[in-house]
Amino acid sequence: WMEASACHGEPLAEEDYLLRPLHRLVVCLSGPSFGGHDRQVIESLVRREGGTYSRTLDSQVTHLVVDAAAGEKYLLCCSDPQVAHVRVVSPAWLAACLSRGICADAADFKMHPAFPAPAQLDCSFGPRLLAQSVPELYLSGCVLYIPDRAC
């Protein structure tokens, strides 16, 4: 963005250069509270925000969103070394990422066996988030110095 702005002679719109909050993340869902429609909405939100949605849990998955600390995928993350790197998080992690426009710290939303998440996921945030524009641009109030030799 800075190089392109310098070559253009003025700051360009940042929107085309911002990374979306789920950039390079692969998200998988597990749990009975995620109905078919909810999964479709979540899949489109994940893709819109720069991530990849996976129906299967494999070594490419970075985040497993579960509605409870139980189930086949959850147990696999706890026992299989090939997916031990997967961050197992509550649905609140995904909602926080989407509503804040940044990737929330998965550690803050880690699913613990002793503290299961509520059984139902409120996906009513989906349509509202789909209608939102890109978050306010981060550098809009900044003054940047770009040396002449940058081009």
Protein backbone atom coordinates (compact mmCIF):
# COMPACT_ATOMS: atom_id res chain seq x y z
CA TRP A 1 0.00 0.00 0.00
CA MET A 2 2.77 2.42 0.92
CA GLU A 3 4.75 1.70 -2.25
CA ALA A 4 1.67 2.01 -4.45
CA SER A 5 0.67 5.25 -2.71
CA ALA A 6 4.16 6.68 -3.09
CA CYS A 7 4.25 5.84 -6.78
CA HIS A 8 0.79 7.33 -7.22
CA GLY A 9 1.84 10.51 -5.42
CA GLU A 10 -0.88 10.40 -2.78
CA PRO A 11 -2.35 7.90 -0.32
CA LEU A 12 -4.54 5.33 -2.05
CA ALA A 13 -7.64 3.80 -0.52
CA GLU A 14 -6.56 1.22 2.05
CA GLU A 15 -9.46 -1.15 1.51
CA ASP A 16 -7.78 -3.16 -1.26
CA TYR A 17 -4.67 -3.68 0.89
CA LEU A 18 -6.19 -4.67 4.24
CA LEU A 19 -6.13 -8.29 5.29
CA ARG A 20 -9.48 -9.62 6.39
CA PRO A 21 -9.75 -10.95 9.97
CA LEU A 22 -9.74 -14.64 8.98
CA HIS A 23 -6.95 -14.36 6.39
CA ARG A 24 -5.07 -17.68 6.08
CA LEU A 25 -7.30 -19.41 8.65
CA VAL A 26 -9.15 -22.65 7.98
CA VAL A 27 -12.30 -22.95 10.08
CA CYS A 28 -14.23 -26.13 10.79
CA LEU A 29 -17.47 -26.53 12.80
CA SER A 30 -18.64 -29.29 15.09
CA GLY A 31 -21.77 -29.70 17.17
CA PRO A 32 -25.48 -30.35 16.92
CA SER A 33 -26.48 -26.72 17.46
CA PHE A 34 -25.05 -25.81 14.03
CA GLY A 35 -27.98 -26.55 11.73
CA GLY A 36 -27.70 -26.77 7.96
CA HIS A 37 -28.70 -23.14 7.39
CA ASP A 38 -26.41 -21.92 10.17
CA ARG A 39 -23.49 -23.79 8.59
CA GLN A 40 -24.19 -22.17 5.23
CA VAL A 41 -24.32 -18.70 6.78
CA ILE A 42 -21.12 -19.32 8.74
CA GLU A 43 -19.37 -20.71 5.66
CA SER A 44 -20.20 -17.58 3.66
CA LEU A 45 -19.09 -15.32 6.53
CA VAL A 46 -15.79 -17.17 6.90
CA ARG A 47 -15.12 -16.87 3.17
CA ARG A 48 -16.16 -13.22 3.07
CA GLU A 49 -13.71 -12.45 5.87
CA GLY A 50 -10.76 -14.09 4.11
CA GLY A 51 -10.84 -17.57 5.62
CA THR A 52 -11.41 -21.03 4.28
CA TYR A 53 -14.26 -23.21 5.50
CA SER A 54 -13.67 -26.95 5.84
CA ARG A 55 -16.36 -29.51 6.48
CA THR A 56 -13.77 -32.08 7.49
CA LEU A 57 -11.18 -31.91 10.24
CA ASP A 58 -7.74 -32.42 8.74
CA SER A 59 -4.21 -31.11 9.20
CA GLN A 60 -5.01 -27.91 7.27
CA VAL A 61 -7.65 -26.75 9.77
CA THR A 62 -6.46 -24.00 12.12
CA HIS A 63 -9.63 -23.47 14.21
CA LEU A 64 -12.38 -25.85 15.26
CA VAL A 65 -15.51 -24.02 16.44
CA VAL A 66 -17.49 -26.27 18.78
CA ASP A 67 -20.72 -25.75 20.68
CA ALA A 68 -19.54 -27.99 23.53
CA ALA A 69 -16.34 -29.66 24.69
CA ALA A 70 -17.47 -32.99 23.26
CA GLY A 71 -17.94 -34.81 20.01
CA GLU A 72 -15.81 -36.71 17.53
CA LYS A 73 -13.86 -33.73 16.13
CA TYR A 74 -13.24 -32.27 19.58
CA LEU A 75 -11.92 -35.60 20.89
CA LEU A 76 -9.75 -36.02 17.81
CA CYS A 77 -8.11 -32.64 18.46
CA CYS A 78 -7.37 -33.77 22.00
CA SER A 79 -5.87 -37.12 20.99
CA ASP A 80 -4.49 -37.08 17.43
CA PRO A 81 -1.04 -35.47 16.97
CA GLN A 82 -1.88 -34.59 13.34
CA VAL A 83 -4.56 -32.13 14.49
CA ALA A 84 -3.15 -31.23 17.91
CA HIS A 85 -2.28 -27.75 16.52
CA VAL A 86 -5.96 -26.94 15.92
CA ARG A 87 -7.30 -24.26 18.24
CA VAL A 88 -10.61 -25.46 19.67
CA VAL A 89 -12.78 -22.43 20.35
CA SER A 90 -16.34 -21.50 21.23
CA PRO A 91 -18.67 -19.83 18.70
CA ALA A 92 -18.01 -16.55 20.52
CA TRP A 93 -14.51 -16.50 18.94
CA LEU A 94 -15.98 -16.40 15.46
CA ALA A 95 -18.55 -13.78 16.45
CA ALA A 96 -15.78 -11.64 18.01
CA CYS A 97 -13.63 -11.87 14.87
CA LEU A 98 -16.51 -10.90 12.63
CA SER A 99 -17.86 -8.09 14.78
CA ARG A 100 -14.46 -6.53 15.59
CA GLY A 101 -12.99 -6.89 12.12
CA ILE A 102 -9.80 -8.45 13.54
CA CYS A 103 -8.73 -11.96 14.41
CA ALA A 104 -9.57 -12.36 18.08
CA ASP A 105 -7.11 -14.23 20.31
CA ALA A 106 -8.21 -17.87 20.28
CA ALA A 107 -6.82 -18.34 23.80
CA ASP A 108 -9.59 -16.07 25.11
CA PHE A 109 -12.24 -18.37 23.62
CA LYS A 110 -10.64 -21.78 24.19
CA MET A 111 -13.20 -24.49 24.82
CA HIS A 112 -12.54 -26.12 28.18
CA PRO A 113 -14.11 -29.45 29.13
CA ALA A 114 -15.20 -28.13 32.53
CA PHE A 115 -16.89 -25.05 31.05
CA PRO A 116 -18.93 -26.01 27.99
CA ALA A 117 -20.45 -23.31 25.84
CA PRO A 118 -24.21 -22.83 25.66
CA ALA A 119 -25.94 -25.54 23.66
CA GLN A 120 -27.39 -23.15 21.10
CA LEU A 121 -25.51 -20.78 18.79
CA ASP A 122 -27.30 -17.56 18.04
CA CYS A 123 -26.57 -17.09 14.34
CA SER A 124 -28.79 -14.03 14.11
CA PHE A 125 -25.58 -12.00 13.90
CA GLY A 126 -24.95 -13.50 10.44
CA PRO A 127 -27.32 -11.39 8.31
CA ARG A 128 -26.31 -8.21 10.16
CA LEU A 129 -22.62 -8.92 9.54
CA LEU A 130 -23.20 -9.73 5.88
CA ALA A 131 -24.79 -6.30 5.49
CA GLN A 132 -21.95 -4.44 7.20
CA SER A 133 -19.36 -2.59 5.18
CA VAL A 134 -15.65 -3.06 5.70
CA PRO A 135 -14.63 -1.71 9.13
CA GLU A 136 -13.36 1.84 9.44
CA LEU A 137 -9.98 2.18 7.78
CA TYR A 138 -7.15 1.94 10.25
CA LEU A 139 -4.83 4.55 8.76
CA SER A 140 -7.46 7.18 7.93
CA GLY A 141 -6.22 9.59 10.62
CA CYS A 142 -2.50 9.02 10.09
CA VAL A 143 0.05 11.25 8.43
CA LEU A 144 2.65 9.24 6.55
CA TYR A 145 6.05 10.35 5.35
CA ILE A 146 7.08 8.63 2.12
CA PRO A 147 10.59 9.50 0.88
CA ASP A 148 11.00 10.44 -2.80
CA ARG A 149 13.24 7.44 -3.48
CA ALA A 150 10.51 4.97 -2.41
CA CYS A 151 9.40 4.58 -6.05
